[in-house]
Protein backbone atom coordinates (compact mmCIF):
# COMPACT_ATOMS: atom_id res chain seq x y z
CA UNK A 1 -154.89 163.55 29.95
CA UNK A 2 -156.00 160.48 30.98
CA UNK A 3 -159.95 159.90 30.87
CA UNK A 4 -160.47 159.69 34.40
CA UNK A 5 -158.82 163.21 34.27
CA UNK A 6 -161.09 164.27 31.16
CA UNK A 7 -163.99 163.18 33.00
CA UNK A 8 -163.24 165.50 36.07
CA UNK A 9 -162.69 168.38 33.89
CA UNK A 10 -165.91 167.30 31.72
CA UNK A 11 -167.94 167.62 35.30
CA UNK A 12 -166.59 170.79 36.22
CA UNK A 13 -167.14 172.47 33.05
CA UNK A 14 -171.23 170.91 33.23
CA UNK A 15 -170.63 172.51 36.75
CA UNK A 16 -169.92 176.11 35.59
CA UNK A 17 -172.47 175.76 32.63
CA UNK A 18 -175.08 174.41 35.11
CA UNK A 19 -176.08 171.68 32.48
CA UNK A 20 -177.77 169.59 35.22
CA UNK A 21 -178.75 166.36 32.90
CA UNK A 22 -175.10 166.32 31.56
CA UNK A 23 -174.00 166.84 35.52
CA UNK A 24 -175.95 164.07 36.74
CA UNK A 25 -174.78 161.85 33.84
CA UNK A 26 -170.92 162.54 34.72
CA UNK A 27 -171.47 161.69 38.45
CA UNK A 28 -173.40 158.82 37.92
CA UNK A 29 -170.16 157.60 35.98
CA UNK A 30 -167.53 158.86 38.45
CA UNK A 31 -169.74 156.97 41.38
CA UNK A 32 -169.67 154.00 39.10
CA UNK A 33 -165.43 154.19 38.90
CA UNK A 34 -165.23 155.05 42.80
CA UNK A 35 -167.44 152.55 43.48
CA UNK A 36 -165.02 149.81 41.62
CA UNK A 37 -161.65 151.59 42.85
CA UNK A 38 -163.50 151.00 46.80
CA UNK A 39 -164.69 147.31 46.19
CA UNK A 40 -161.53 145.82 44.15
CA UNK A 41 -158.76 148.39 45.61
CA UNK A 42 -157.25 149.50 42.55
CA UNK A 43 -156.71 152.43 40.71
CA UNK A 44 -158.28 152.58 37.37
CA UNK A 45 -156.68 152.60 34.39
CA UNK A 46 -158.38 153.93 30.92
CA UNK A 47 -159.09 150.41 29.84
CA UNK A 48 -161.36 149.75 33.16
CA UNK A 49 -163.00 152.68 32.80
CA UNK A 50 -163.80 151.99 29.32
CA UNK A 51 -165.48 148.83 30.58
CA UNK A 52 -167.47 150.41 33.28
CA UNK A 53 -168.77 153.27 30.45
CA UNK A 54 -169.73 150.02 28.25
CA UNK A 55 -171.78 148.85 31.33
CA UNK A 56 -173.71 152.02 31.88
CA UNK A 57 -173.97 152.53 27.95
CA UNK A 58 -175.49 149.01 27.74
CA UNK A 59 -177.87 149.65 30.83
CA UNK A 60 -178.95 152.64 29.15
CA UNK A 61 -179.67 150.81 25.85
CA UNK A 62 -181.72 148.20 27.75
CA UNK A 63 -183.44 150.78 29.66
CA UNK A 64 -184.30 152.65 26.36
CA UNK A 65 -185.99 149.56 24.95
CA UNK A 66 -187.98 148.93 28.00
CA UNK A 67 -189.24 152.49 28.54
CA UNK A 68 -190.31 152.66 24.49
CA UNK A 69 -192.33 149.37 25.14
CA UNK A 70 -194.30 150.91 27.49
CA UNK A 71 -194.47 154.07 25.69
CA UNK A 72 -192.84 155.91 27.85
CA UNK A 73 -191.48 158.74 25.43
CA UNK A 74 -190.21 161.22 28.21
CA UNK A 75 -187.70 158.51 29.83
CA UNK A 76 -186.73 157.23 26.42
CA UNK A 77 -185.71 161.05 25.58
CA UNK A 78 -183.73 161.41 29.60
CA UNK A 79 -181.94 157.95 28.79
CA UNK A 80 -181.00 158.58 24.98
CA UNK A 81 -179.54 161.92 26.50
CA UNK A 82 -177.51 159.95 29.05
CA UNK A 83 -176.42 157.76 26.47
CA UNK A 84 -174.82 160.30 24.14
CA UNK A 85 -173.14 161.77 27.05
CA UNK A 86 -171.44 158.61 27.96
CA UNK A 87 -170.54 157.53 24.13
CA UNK A 88 -168.58 160.94 24.29
CA UNK A 89 -165.93 158.49 26.45
CA UNK A 90 -165.67 155.55 24.17
CA UNK A 91 -162.75 155.53 21.92
CA UNK A 92 -164.10 155.15 17.87
CA UNK A 93 -165.67 151.97 17.55
CA UNK A 94 -164.43 148.94 15.14
CA UNK A 95 -166.84 148.33 11.77
CA UNK A 96 -168.46 144.79 11.74
CA UNK A 97 -165.75 144.19 8.78
CA UNK A 98 -162.48 144.87 11.01
CA UNK A 99 -164.64 142.87 13.99
CA UNK A 100 -165.15 139.85 11.67
CA UNK A 101 -161.48 140.21 10.03
CA UNK A 102 -160.30 140.14 13.87
CA UNK A 103 -162.17 137.46 15.04
CA UNK A 104 -160.75 135.61 12.09
CA UNK A 105 -157.73 136.04 12.98
CA UNK A 106 -158.29 134.58 16.76
CA UNK A 107 -159.82 131.79 15.30
CA UNK A 108 -157.48 130.76 13.10
CA UNK A 109 -154.17 131.50 15.68
CA UNK A 110 -156.01 129.48 18.23
CA UNK A 111 -157.09 126.60 16.10
CA UNK A 112 -160.57 126.78 17.07
CA UNK A 113 -162.85 124.76 14.76
CA UNK A 114 -166.70 124.27 15.94
CA UNK A 115 -169.09 125.95 18.32
CA UNK A 116 -167.85 123.69 21.26
CA UNK A 117 -164.89 126.16 21.39
CA UNK A 118 -166.62 129.31 21.46
CA UNK A 119 -165.78 130.14 25.47
CA UNK A 120 -162.18 129.79 24.37
CA UNK A 121 -162.41 132.03 21.04
CA UNK A 122 -164.57 134.64 23.25
CA UNK A 123 -161.69 134.85 26.16
CA UNK A 124 -159.40 136.05 23.51
CA UNK A 125 -161.45 138.28 21.17
CA UNK A 126 -162.78 139.89 24.58
CA UNK A 127 -159.12 140.65 25.93
CA UNK A 128 -157.74 141.72 22.34
CA UNK A 129 -161.13 143.81 21.26
CA UNK A 130 -162.45 145.14 24.80
CA UNK A 131 -163.37 148.71 24.78
CA UNK A 132 -162.65 148.92 20.97
CA UNK A 133 -165.95 146.96 19.76
CA UNK A 134 -169.40 146.54 20.30
CA UNK A 135 -169.44 143.14 22.24
CA UNK A 136 -172.47 142.19 20.41
CA UNK A 137 -171.25 142.19 17.41
CA UNK A 138 -168.12 140.35 18.47
CA UNK A 139 -170.28 137.26 19.56
CA UNK A 140 -172.08 137.35 16.51
CA UNK A 141 -169.14 137.28 14.29
CA UNK A 142 -167.31 134.75 16.86
CA UNK A 143 -170.58 132.35 15.99
CA UNK A 144 -170.45 132.92 12.39
CA UNK A 145 -167.03 132.02 12.28
CA UNK A 146 -167.11 128.86 14.04
CA UNK A 147 -170.21 127.69 12.44
CA UNK A 148 -168.03 127.53 9.16
């Protein structure tokens, strides 16, 4: 079953179970997917959907930090619940050690030697690890690998 089908089934299940908060989050995800399909005139594959989920998760994390700084625990709780629903659609994430190993392999294969090669390395790493790893950790690993 494709990820898109799984999301549709989860939406139906949330409707039947009358889980309003979960349903709202899934509908938001479906709307973001539909918007990308319409804007780019494409049919999304699992990798593209994971990219959308990653983007929505990043937005939720940013919102949580902002609401926490403002002392809005009610909104922090709401965003945290949405974050948990969205994280269910991501594949298993790579650990920091696995990321460092992959980045080291890519840096060696490209022959990158310093911080000036960051863009070239990040492009290659992003293509290989998109959806599998947190890009914040990937960026830190690339910086560390190029600093040596």
